[in-house]
Amino acid sequence: MFRVGVLQGRSVRTGSTVSTAAATRSDKSEQLHNNDTSVAGVLEKGGTAAAEARQLFDRLQPTLPIVLANLVSIGEVALTYQNGIEQLLVLLPQGVAAAQAGSPPT
């Protein structure tokens, strides 16, 4: 009914997978042990940082949809005037450099 070779191959692969996972977990545990003060600092100050981030998002929440809608509009305008924008981005630095040098642009 069952092929023994197939089942044995799976158990060998599973054993190596378990060994790899155990080695990885051991490595991560050692890293945590070596960086205990850093981890403790994150745990101590992480709650304050999370609260500040939440306050920032709460302040941005009413305006964020408006900003995103404006970005969509800007994207549509940029697609319409892409050639003109590219030309402006090429010529503007030359004009600024000429103005700083005090000579008329060529």
PDB file of N, CA and C in Angstrom:
ATOM      1  N   MET A   1       0.810  -1.181   0.000  1.00  0.00           N
ATOM      2  CA  MET A   1       0.000   0.000   0.000  1.00  0.00           C
ATOM      3  C   MET A   1       0.865   1.261   0.000  1.00  0.00           C
ATOM      4  N   PHE A   2       1.673   1.461   1.040  1.00  0.00           N
ATOM      5  CA  PHE A   2       2.553   2.626   1.126  1.00  0.00           C
ATOM      6  C   PHE A   2       3.943   2.244   0.668  1.00  0.00           C
ATOM      7  N   ARG A   3       4.592   3.202   0.059  1.00  0.00           N
ATOM      8  CA  ARG A   3       5.988   2.964  -0.297  1.00  0.00           C
ATOM      9  C   ARG A   3       6.845   3.402   0.878  1.00  0.00           C
ATOM     10  N   VAL A   4       7.637   2.524   1.400  1.00  0.00           N
ATOM     11  CA  VAL A   4       8.436   2.780   2.586  1.00  0.00           C
ATOM     12  C   VAL A   4       9.474   3.853   2.311  1.00  0.00           C
ATOM     13  N   GLY A   5      10.070   3.858   1.135  1.00  0.00           N
ATOM     14  CA  GLY A   5      11.106   4.837   0.801  1.00  0.00           C
ATOM     15  C   GLY A   5      10.585   6.266   0.853  1.00  0.00           C
ATOM     16  N   VAL A   6       9.359   6.465   0.401  1.00  0.00           N
ATOM     17  CA  VAL A   6       8.773   7.805   0.423  1.00  0.00           C
ATOM     18  C   VAL A   6       8.592   8.271   1.857  1.00  0.00           C
ATOM     19  N   LEU A   7       8.082   7.420   2.719  1.00  0.00           N
ATOM     20  CA  LEU A   7       7.862   7.797   4.111  1.00  0.00           C
ATOM     21  C   LEU A   7       9.181   8.051   4.829  1.00  0.00           C
ATOM     22  N   GLN A   8      10.189   7.231   4.564  1.00  0.00           N
ATOM     23  CA  GLN A   8      11.471   7.434   5.210  1.00  0.00           C
ATOM     24  C   GLN A   8      12.105   8.746   4.756  1.00  0.00           C
ATOM     25  N   GLY A   9      11.993   9.065   3.481  1.00  0.00           N
ATOM     26  CA  GLY A   9      12.547  10.320   2.966  1.00  0.00           C
ATOM     27  C   GLY A   9      11.905  11.522   3.625  1.00  0.00           C
ATOM     28  N   ARG A  10      10.613  11.441   3.835  1.00  0.00           N
ATOM     29  CA  ARG A  10       9.919  12.554   4.489  1.00  0.00           C
ATOM     30  C   ARG A  10      10.364  12.704   5.938  1.00  0.00           C
ATOM     31  N   SER A  11      10.541  11.609   6.632  1.00  0.00           N
ATOM     32  CA  SER A  11      10.960  11.704   8.030  1.00  0.00           C
ATOM     33  C   SER A  11      12.379  12.239   8.139  1.00  0.00           C
ATOM     34  N   VAL A  12      13.239  11.921   7.205  1.00  0.00           N
ATOM     35  CA  VAL A  12      14.598  12.452   7.224  1.00  0.00           C
ATOM     36  C   VAL A  12      14.576  13.953   6.971  1.00  0.00           C
ATOM     37  N   ARG A  13      13.778  14.376   5.990  1.00  0.00           N
ATOM     38  CA  ARG A  13      13.677  15.809   5.712  1.00  0.00           C
ATOM     39  C   ARG A  13      13.081  16.549   6.903  1.00  0.00           C
ATOM     40  N   THR A  14      12.098  15.961   7.541  1.00  0.00           N
ATOM     41  CA  THR A  14      11.488  16.590   8.703  1.00  0.00           C
ATOM     42  C   THR A  14      12.501  16.712   9.830  1.00  0.00           C
ATOM     43  N   GLY A  15      13.302  15.681  10.035  1.00  0.00           N
ATOM     44  CA  GLY A  15      14.329  15.720  11.066  1.00  0.00           C
ATOM     45  C   GLY A  15      15.341  16.813  10.815  1.00  0.00           C
ATOM     46  N   SER A  16      15.767  16.991   9.565  1.00  0.00           N
ATOM     47  CA  SER A  16      16.734  18.042   9.264  1.00  0.00           C
ATOM     48  C   SER A  16      16.091  19.418   9.409  1.00  0.00           C
ATOM     49  N   THR A  17      14.817  19.515   9.086  1.00  0.00           N
ATOM     50  CA  THR A  17      14.109  20.785   9.250  1.00  0.00           C
ATOM     51  C   THR A  17      14.015  21.159  10.725  1.00  0.00           C
ATOM     52  N   VAL A  18      13.731  20.183  11.554  1.00  0.00           N
ATOM     53  CA  VAL A  18      13.657  20.424  12.993  1.00  0.00           C
ATOM     54  C   VAL A  18      15.024  20.841  13.519  1.00  0.00           C
ATOM     55  N   SER A  19      16.075  20.181  13.055  1.00  0.00           N
ATOM     56  CA  SER A  19      17.429  20.539  13.488  1.00  0.00           C
ATOM     57  C   SER A  19      17.775  21.965  13.089  1.00  0.00           C
ATOM     58  N   THR A  20      17.419  22.339  11.868  1.00  0.00           N
ATOM     59  CA  THR A  20      17.680  23.700  11.397  1.00  0.00           C
ATOM     60  C   THR A  20      16.907  24.713  12.221  1.00  0.00           C
ATOM     61  N   ALA A  21      15.645  24.431  12.506  1.00  0.00           N
ATOM     62  CA  ALA A  21      14.829  25.342  13.302  1.00  0.00           C
ATOM     63  C   ALA A  21      15.389  25.485  14.713  1.00  0.00           C
ATOM     64  N   ALA A  22      15.854  24.378  15.290  1.00  0.00           N
ATOM     65  CA  ALA A  22      16.429  24.429  16.639  1.00  0.00           C
ATOM     66  C   ALA A  22      17.713  25.251  16.648  1.00  0.00           C
ATOM     67  N   ALA A  23      18.530  25.097  15.627  1.00  0.00           N
ATOM     68  CA  ALA A  23      19.773  25.870  15.550  1.00  0.00           C
ATOM     69  C   ALA A  23      19.475  27.351  15.387  1.00  0.00           C
ATOM     70  N   THR A  24      18.485  27.674  14.576  1.00  0.00           N
ATOM     71  CA  THR A  24      18.103  29.070  14.384  1.00  0.00           C
ATOM     72  C   THR A  24      17.581  29.668  15.680  1.00  0.00           C
ATOM     73  N   ARG A  25      16.735  28.920  16.385  1.00  0.00           N
ATOM     74  CA  ARG A  25      16.199  29.401  17.654  1.00  0.00           C
ATOM     75  C   ARG A  25      17.302  29.612  18.674  1.00  0.00           C
ATOM     76  N   SER A  26      18.272  28.703  18.708  1.00  0.00           N
ATOM     77  CA  SER A  26      19.402  28.833  19.622  1.00  0.00           C
ATOM     78  C   SER A  26      20.199  30.088  19.298  1.00  0.00           C
ATOM     79  N   ASP A  27      20.416  30.349  17.998  1.00  0.00           N
ATOM     80  CA  ASP A  27      21.158  31.539  17.580  1.00  0.00           C
ATOM     81  C   ASP A  27      20.419  32.809  17.995  1.00  0.00           C
ATOM     82  N   LYS A  28      19.109  32.828  17.800  1.00  0.00           N
ATOM     83  CA  LYS A  28      18.309  34.010  18.175  1.00  0.00           C
ATOM     84  C   LYS A  28      18.327  34.216  19.686  1.00  0.00           C
ATOM     85  N   SER A  29      18.257  33.135  20.444  1.00  0.00           N
ATOM     86  CA  SER A  29      18.307  33.241  21.906  1.00  0.00           C
ATOM     87  C   SER A  29      19.639  33.813  22.364  1.00  0.00           C
ATOM     88  N   GLU A  30      20.714  33.376  21.712  1.00  0.00           N
ATOM     89  CA  GLU A  30      22.043  33.890  22.059  1.00  0.00           C
ATOM     90  C   GLU A  30      22.148  35.376  21.730  1.00  0.00           C
ATOM     91  N   GLN A  31      21.591  35.778  20.595  1.00  0.00           N
ATOM     92  CA  GLN A  31      21.604  37.207  20.233  1.00  0.00           C
ATOM     93  C   GLN A  31      20.826  38.025  21.263  1.00  0.00           C
ATOM     94  N   LEU A  32      19.685  37.534  21.687  1.00  0.00           N
ATOM     95  CA  LEU A  32      18.908  38.235  22.709  1.00  0.00           C
ATOM     96  C   LEU A  32      19.683  38.339  24.019  1.00  0.00           C
ATOM     97  N   HIS A  33      20.343  37.266  24.392  1.00  0.00           N
ATOM     98  CA  HIS A  33      21.136  37.264  25.624  1.00  0.00           C
ATOM     99  C   HIS A  33      22.266  38.276  25.532  1.00  0.00           C
ATOM    100  N   ASN A  34      22.930  38.343  24.378  1.00  0.00           N
ATOM    101  CA  ASN A  34      24.053  39.276  24.204  1.00  0.00           C
ATOM    102  C   ASN A  34      23.605  40.732  24.155  1.00  0.00           C
ATOM    103  N   ASN A  35      22.387  40.970  23.721  1.00  0.00           N
ATOM    104  CA  ASN A  35      21.866  42.336  23.590  1.00  0.00           C
ATOM    105  C   ASN A  35      20.772  42.611  24.603  1.00  0.00           C
ATOM    106  N   ASP A  36      20.894  42.075  25.788  1.00  0.00           N
ATOM    107  CA  ASP A  36      19.860  42.177  26.814  1.00  0.00           C
ATOM    108  C   ASP A  36      19.546  43.624  27.172  1.00  0.00           C
ATOM    109  N   THR A  37      20.549  44.472  27.274  1.00  0.00           N
ATOM    110  CA  THR A  37      20.292  45.869  27.645  1.00  0.00           C
ATOM    111  C   THR A  37      19.520  46.589  26.546  1.00  0.00           C
ATOM    112  N   SER A  38      19.838  46.276  25.287  1.00  0.00           N
ATOM    113  CA  SER A  38      19.105  46.903  24.178  1.00  0.00           C
ATOM    114  C   SER A  38      17.645  46.475  24.178  1.00  0.00           C
ATOM    115  N   VAL A  39      17.425  45.186  24.396  1.00  0.00           N
ATOM    116  CA  VAL A  39      16.058  44.669  24.430  1.00  0.00           C
ATOM    117  C   VAL A  39      15.296  45.288  25.602  1.00  0.00           C
ATOM    118  N   ALA A  40      15.954  45.415  26.741  1.00  0.00           N
ATOM    119  CA  ALA A  40      15.303  46.016  27.903  1.00  0.00           C
ATOM    120  C   ALA A  40      14.939  47.470  27.616  1.00  0.00           C
ATOM    121  N   GLY A  41      15.816  48.191  26.917  1.00  0.00           N
ATOM    122  CA  GLY A  41      15.521  49.582  26.561  1.00  0.00           C
ATOM    123  C   GLY A  41      14.310  49.695  25.660  1.00  0.00           C
ATOM    124  N   VAL A  42      14.212  48.778  24.687  1.00  0.00           N
ATOM    125  CA  VAL A  42      13.049  48.788  23.796  1.00  0.00           C
ATOM    126  C   VAL A  42      11.781  48.496  24.579  1.00  0.00           C
ATOM    127  N   LEU A  43      11.856  47.548  25.502  1.00  0.00           N
ATOM    128  CA  LEU A  43      10.676  47.204  26.292  1.00  0.00           C
ATOM    129  C   LEU A  43      10.262  48.344  27.214  1.00  0.00           C
ATOM    130  N   GLU A  44      11.250  49.056  27.762  1.00  0.00           N
ATOM    131  CA  GLU A  44      10.937  50.161  28.668  1.00  0.00           C
ATOM    132  C   GLU A  44      10.386  51.369  27.930  1.00  0.00           C
ATOM    133  N   LYS A  45      10.976  51.698  26.787  1.00  0.00           N
ATOM    134  CA  LYS A  45      10.612  52.924  26.078  1.00  0.00           C
ATOM    135  C   LYS A  45       9.656  52.679  24.916  1.00  0.00           C
ATOM    136  N   GLY A  46       9.415  51.421  24.596  1.00  0.00           N
ATOM    137  CA  GLY A  46       8.561  51.097  23.460  1.00  0.00           C
ATOM    138  C   GLY A  46       7.130  51.558  23.639  1.00  0.00           C
ATOM    139  N   GLY A  47       6.617  51.464  24.847  1.00  0.00           N
ATOM    140  CA  GLY A  47       5.237  51.893  25.098  1.00  0.00           C
ATOM    141  C   GLY A  47       5.058  53.379  24.884  1.00  0.00           C
ATOM    142  N   THR A  48       6.037  54.165  25.319  1.00  0.00           N
ATOM    143  CA  THR A  48       5.971  55.617  25.123  1.00  0.00           C
ATOM    144  C   THR A  48       6.040  55.961  23.647  1.00  0.00           C
ATOM    145  N   ALA A  49       6.935  55.296  22.927  1.00  0.00           N
ATOM    146  CA  ALA A  49       7.066  55.549  21.489  1.00  0.00           C
ATOM    147  C   ALA A  49       5.785  55.164  20.752  1.00  0.00           C
ATOM    148  N   ALA A  50       5.186  54.053  21.142  1.00  0.00           N
ATOM    149  CA  ALA A  50       3.934  53.622  20.503  1.00  0.00           C
ATOM    150  C   ALA A  50       2.818  54.621  20.776  1.00  0.00           C
ATOM    151  N   ALA A  51       2.760  55.149  22.002  1.00  0.00           N
ATOM    152  CA  ALA A  51       1.731  56.143  22.337  1.00  0.00           C
ATOM    153  C   ALA A  51       1.929  57.422  21.524  1.00  0.00           C
ATOM    154  N   GLU A  52       3.180  57.846  21.355  1.00  0.00           N
ATOM    155  CA  GLU A  52       3.452  59.045  20.555  1.00  0.00           C
ATOM    156  C   GLU A  52       3.093  58.815  19.093  1.00  0.00           C
ATOM    157  N   ALA A  53       3.392  57.624  18.575  1.00  0.00           N
ATOM    158  CA  ALA A  53       3.041  57.311  17.194  1.00  0.00           C
ATOM    159  C   ALA A  53       1.525  57.295  17.013  1.00  0.00           C
ATOM    160  N   ARG A  54       0.811  56.751  17.990  1.00  0.00           N
ATOM    161  CA  ARG A  54      -0.650  56.734  17.913  1.00  0.00           C
ATOM    162  C   ARG A  54      -1.217  58.161  17.929  1.00  0.00           C
ATOM    163  N   GLN A  55      -0.646  59.034  18.775  1.00  0.00           N
ATOM    164  CA  GLN A  55      -1.091  60.431  18.805  1.00  0.00           C
ATOM    165  C   GLN A  55      -0.844  61.110  17.462  1.00  0.00           C
ATOM    166  N   LEU A  56       0.301  60.821  16.839  1.00  0.00           N
ATOM    167  CA  LEU A  56       0.594  61.401  15.540  1.00  0.00           C
ATOM    168  C   LEU A  56      -0.417  60.944  14.503  1.00  0.00           C
ATOM    169  N   PHE A  57      -0.715  59.645  14.466  1.00  0.00           N
ATOM    170  CA  PHE A  57      -1.697  59.144  13.518  1.00  0.00           C
ATOM    171  C   PHE A  57      -3.083  59.706  13.801  1.00  0.00           C
ATOM    172  N   ASP A  58      -3.423  59.889  15.065  1.00  0.00           N
ATOM    173  CA  ASP A  58      -4.722  60.469  15.399  1.00  0.00           C
ATOM    174  C   ASP A  58      -4.827  61.908  14.894  1.00  0.00           C
ATOM    175  N   ARG A  59      -3.701  62.649  14.984  1.00  0.00           N
ATOM    176  CA  ARG A  59      -3.716  64.025  14.475  1.00  0.00           C
ATOM    177  C   ARG A  59      -3.771  64.056  12.955  1.00  0.00           C
ATOM    178  N   LEU A  60      -3.155  63.074  12.295  1.00  0.00           N
ATOM    179  CA  LEU A  60      -3.135  63.041  10.841  1.00  0.00           C
ATOM    180  C   LEU A  60      -4.397  62.446  10.239  1.00  0.00           C
ATOM    181  N   GLN A  61      -5.115  61.682  11.006  1.00  0.00           N
ATOM    182  CA  GLN A  61      -6.255  60.944  10.478  1.00  0.00           C
ATOM    183  C   GLN A  61      -7.279  61.827   9.751  1.00  0.00           C
ATOM    184  N   PRO A  62      -7.684  62.993  10.273  1.00  0.00           N
ATOM    185  CA  PRO A  62      -8.668  63.786   9.533  1.00  0.00           C
ATOM    186  C   PRO A  62      -8.124  64.346   8.218  1.00  0.00           C
ATOM    187  N   THR A  63      -6.828  64.620   8.132  1.00  0.00           N
ATOM    188  CA  THR A  63      -6.286  65.249   6.933  1.00  0.00           C
ATOM    189  C   THR A  63      -5.686  64.254   5.951  1.00  0.00           C
ATOM    190  N   LEU A  64      -5.386  63.052   6.368  1.00  0.00           N
ATOM    191  CA  LEU A  64      -4.725  62.088   5.501  1.00  0.00           C
ATOM    192  C   LEU A  64      -5.525  61.768   4.239  1.00  0.00           C
ATOM    193  N   PRO A  65      -6.829  61.521   4.307  1.00  0.00           N
ATOM    194  CA  PRO A  65      -7.576  61.260   3.064  1.00  0.00           C
ATOM    195  C   PRO A  65      -7.520  62.436   2.089  1.00  0.00           C
ATOM    196  N   ILE A  66      -7.521  63.652   2.605  1.00  0.00           N
ATOM    197  CA  ILE A  66      -7.451  64.826   1.738  1.00  0.00           C
ATOM    198  C   ILE A  66      -6.093  64.893   1.057  1.00  0.00           C
ATOM    199  N   VAL A  67      -5.035  64.639   1.818  1.00  0.00           N
ATOM    200  CA  VAL A  67      -3.686  64.659   1.241  1.00  0.00           C
ATOM    201  C   VAL A  67      -3.553  63.597   0.163  1.00  0.00           C
ATOM    202  N   LEU A  68      -4.048  62.406   0.410  1.00  0.00           N
ATOM    203  CA  LEU A  68      -3.959  61.333  -0.581  1.00  0.00           C
ATOM    204  C   LEU A  68      -4.767  61.665  -1.826  1.00  0.00           C
ATOM    205  N   ALA A  69      -5.930  62.265  -1.661  1.00  0.00           N
ATOM    206  CA  ALA A  69      -6.733  62.671  -2.817  1.00  0.00           C
ATOM    207  C   ALA A  69      -6.004  63.730  -3.632  1.00  0.00           C
ATOM    208  N   ASN A  70      -5.339  64.661  -2.943  1.00  0.00           N
ATOM    209  CA  ASN A  70      -4.573  65.679  -3.648  1.00  0.00           C
ATOM    210  C   ASN A  70      -3.405  65.074  -4.404  1.00  0.00           C
ATOM    211  N   LEU A  71      -2.771  64.054  -3.835  1.00  0.00           N
ATOM    212  CA  LEU A  71      -1.674  63.385  -4.527  1.00  0.00           C
ATOM    213  C   LEU A  71      -2.159  62.712  -5.805  1.00  0.00           C
ATOM    214  N   VAL A  72      -3.349  62.150  -5.771  1.00  0.00           N
ATOM    215  CA  VAL A  72      -3.909  61.541  -6.974  1.00  0.00           C
ATOM    216  C   VAL A  72      -4.112  62.608  -8.036  1.00  0.00           C
ATOM    217  N   SER A  73      -4.641  63.762  -7.639  1.00  0.00           N
ATOM    218  CA  SER A  73      -4.846  64.856  -8.589  1.00  0.00           C
ATOM    219  C   SER A  73      -3.523  65.338  -9.164  1.00  0.00           C
ATOM    220  N   ILE A  74      -2.513  65.451  -8.321  1.00  0.00           N
ATOM    221  CA  ILE A  74      -1.197  65.886  -8.793  1.00  0.00           C
ATOM    222  C   ILE A  74      -0.641  64.869  -9.780  1.00  0.00           C
ATOM    223  N   GLY A  75      -0.850  63.600  -9.528  1.00  0.00           N
ATOM    224  CA  GLY A  75      -0.390  62.557 -10.443  1.00  0.00           C
ATOM    225  C   GLY A  75      -1.045  62.667 -11.808  1.00  0.00           C
ATOM    226  N   GLU A  76      -2.343  62.956 -11.826  1.00  0.00           N
ATOM    227  CA  GLU A  76      -3.052  63.112 -13.101  1.00  0.00           C
ATOM    228  C   GLU A  76      -2.531  64.320 -13.865  1.00  0.00           C
ATOM    229  N   VAL A  77      -2.288  65.419 -13.172  1.00  0.00           N
ATOM    230  CA  VAL A  77      -1.750  66.619 -13.816  1.00  0.00           C
ATOM    231  C   VAL A  77      -0.347  66.349 -14.344  1.00  0.00           C
ATOM    232  N   ALA A  78       0.464  65.643 -13.553  1.00  0.00           N
ATOM    233  CA  ALA A  78       1.835  65.340 -13.971  1.00  0.00           C
ATOM    234  C   ALA A  78       1.846  64.476 -15.225  1.00  0.00           C
ATOM    235  N   LEU A  79       0.929  63.542 -15.335  1.00  0.00           N
ATOM    236  CA  LEU A  79       0.857  62.726 -16.547  1.00  0.00           C
ATOM    237  C   LEU A  79       0.468  63.567 -17.757  1.00  0.00           C
ATOM    238  N   THR A  80      -0.429  64.509 -17.553  1.00  0.00           N
ATOM    239  CA  THR A  80      -0.861  65.362 -18.655  1.00  0.00           C
ATOM    240  C   THR A  80       0.274  66.247 -19.151  1.00  0.00           C
ATOM    241  N   TYR A  81       1.039  66.816 -18.227  1.00  0.00           N
ATOM    242  CA  TYR A  81       2.084  67.771 -18.581  1.00  0.00           C
ATOM    243  C   TYR A  81       3.483  67.179 -18.434  1.00  0.00           C
ATOM    244  N   GLN A  82       3.636  65.877 -18.646  1.00  0.00           N
ATOM    245  CA  GLN A  82       4.912  65.210 -18.413  1.00  0.00           C
ATOM    246  C   GLN A  82       6.051  65.812 -19.232  1.00  0.00           C
ATOM    247  N   ASN A  83       5.829  66.073 -20.503  1.00  0.00           N
ATOM    248  CA  ASN A  83       6.903  66.615 -21.346  1.00  0.00           C
ATOM    249  C   ASN A  83       7.350  67.985 -20.848  1.00  0.00           C
ATOM    250  N   GLY A  84       6.410  68.832 -20.492  1.00  0.00           N
ATOM    251  CA  GLY A  84       6.759  70.159 -19.987  1.00  0.00           C
ATOM    252  C   GLY A  84       7.506  70.087 -18.666  1.00  0.00           C
ATOM    253  N   ILE A  85       7.098  69.157 -17.800  1.00  0.00           N
ATOM    254  CA  ILE A  85       7.773  68.995 -16.505  1.00  0.00           C
ATOM    255  C   ILE A  85       9.204  68.509 -16.715  1.00  0.00           C
ATOM    256  N   GLU A  86       9.385  67.570 -17.659  1.00  0.00           N
ATOM    257  CA  GLU A  86      10.743  67.087 -17.945  1.00  0.00           C
ATOM    258  C   GLU A  86      11.622  68.225 -18.446  1.00  0.00           C
ATOM    259  N   GLN A  87      11.099  69.055 -19.343  1.00  0.00           N
ATOM    260  CA  GLN A  87      11.872  70.177 -19.866  1.00  0.00           C
ATOM    261  C   GLN A  87      12.210  71.167 -18.748  1.00  0.00           C
ATOM    262  N   LEU A  88      11.260  71.421 -17.878  1.00  0.00           N
ATOM    263  CA  LEU A  88      11.500  72.317 -16.745  1.00  0.00           C
ATOM    264  C   LEU A  88      12.602  71.776 -15.839  1.00  0.00           C
ATOM    265  N   LEU A  89      12.581  70.476 -15.586  1.00  0.00           N
ATOM    266  CA  LEU A  89      13.595  69.872 -14.719  1.00  0.00           C
ATOM    267  C   LEU A  89      14.985  69.880 -15.357  1.00  0.00           C
ATOM    268  N   VAL A  90      15.041  69.953 -16.682  1.00  0.00           N
ATOM    269  CA  VAL A  90      16.332  70.043 -17.359  1.00  0.00           C
ATOM    270  C   VAL A  90      16.833  71.482 -17.364  1.00  0.00           C
ATOM    271  N   LEU A  91      15.944  72.430 -17.649  1.00  0.00           N
ATOM    272  CA  LEU A  91      16.361  73.825 -17.821  1.00  0.00           C
ATOM    273  C   LEU A  91      16.501  74.584 -16.502  1.00  0.00           C
ATOM    274  N   LEU A  92      15.737  74.238 -15.499  1.00  0.00           N
ATOM    275  CA  LEU A  92      15.766  74.979 -14.235  1.00  0.00           C
ATOM    276  C   LEU A  92      17.141  74.979 -13.570  1.00  0.00           C
ATOM    277  N   PRO A  93      17.823  73.841 -13.445  1.00  0.00           N
ATOM    278  CA  PRO A  93      19.153  73.880 -12.818  1.00  0.00           C
ATOM    279  C   PRO A  93      20.143  74.752 -13.594  1.00  0.00           C
ATOM    280  N   GLN A  94      20.052  74.740 -14.922  1.00  0.00           N
ATOM    281  CA  GLN A  94      20.935  75.587 -15.724  1.00  0.00           C
ATOM    282  C   GLN A  94      20.638  77.054 -15.474  1.00  0.00           C
ATOM    283  N   GLY A  95      19.376  77.410 -15.383  1.00  0.00           N
ATOM    284  CA  GLY A  95      18.998  78.794 -15.105  1.00  0.00           C
ATOM    285  C   GLY A  95      19.445  79.243 -13.729  1.00  0.00           C
ATOM    286  N   VAL A  96      19.309  78.376 -12.747  1.00  0.00           N
ATOM    287  CA  VAL A  96      19.739  78.715 -11.385  1.00  0.00           C
ATOM    288  C   VAL A  96      21.256  78.902 -11.345  1.00  0.00           C
ATOM    289  N   ALA A  97      21.994  78.006 -12.018  1.00  0.00           N
ATOM    290  CA  ALA A  97      23.454  78.122 -12.045  1.00  0.00           C
ATOM    291  C   ALA A  97      23.878  79.423 -12.728  1.00  0.00           C
ATOM    292  N   ALA A  98      23.193  79.780 -13.811  1.00  0.00           N
ATOM    293  CA  ALA A  98      23.519  81.028 -14.520  1.00  0.00           C
ATOM    294  C   ALA A  98      23.189  82.230 -13.661  1.00  0.00           C
ATOM    295  N   ALA A  99      22.076  82.175 -12.941  1.00  0.00           N
ATOM    296  CA  ALA A  99      21.717  83.306 -12.071  1.00  0.00           C
ATOM    297  C   ALA A  99      22.700  83.466 -10.944  1.00  0.00           C
ATOM    298  N   GLN A 100      23.188  82.382 -10.397  1.00  0.00           N
ATOM    299  CA  GLN A 100      24.185  82.462  -9.329  1.00  0.00           C
ATOM    300  C   GLN A 100      25.519  82.984  -9.847  1.00  0.00           C
ATOM    301  N   ALA A 101      25.820  82.668 -11.094  1.00  0.00           N
ATOM    302  CA  ALA A 101      27.075  83.127 -11.677  1.00  0.00           C
ATOM    303  C   ALA A 101      26.977  84.578 -12.135  1.00  0.00           C
ATOM    304  N   GLY A 102      25.766  85.074 -12.291  1.00  0.00           N
ATOM    305  CA  GLY A 102      25.565  86.463 -12.699  1.00  0.00           C
ATOM    306  C   GLY A 102      25.633  86.655 -14.195  1.00  0.00           C
ATOM    307  N   SER A 103      25.516  85.589 -14.948  1.00  0.00           N
ATOM    308  CA  SER A 103      25.533  85.722 -16.404  1.00  0.00           C
ATOM    309  C   SER A 103      24.206  85.279 -16.975  1.00  0.00           C
ATOM    310  N   PRO A 104      23.836  85.806 -18.134  1.00  0.00           N
ATOM    311  CA  PRO A 104      22.564  85.372 -18.730  1.00  0.00           C
ATOM    312  C   PRO A 104      22.651  83.926 -19.218  1.00  0.00           C
ATOM    313  N   PRO A 105      21.562  83.183 -19.152  1.00  0.00           N
ATOM    314  CA  PRO A 105      21.594  81.791 -19.594  1.00  0.00           C
ATOM    315  C   PRO A 105      21.831  81.704 -21.082  1.00  0.00           C
ATOM    316  N   THR A 106      22.463  80.623 -21.508  1.00  0.00           N
ATOM    317  CA  THR A 106      22.745  80.439 -22.933  1.00  0.00           C
ATOM    318  C   THR A 106      21.660  79.670 -23.611  1.00  0.00           C
TER     319      THR A 106
END
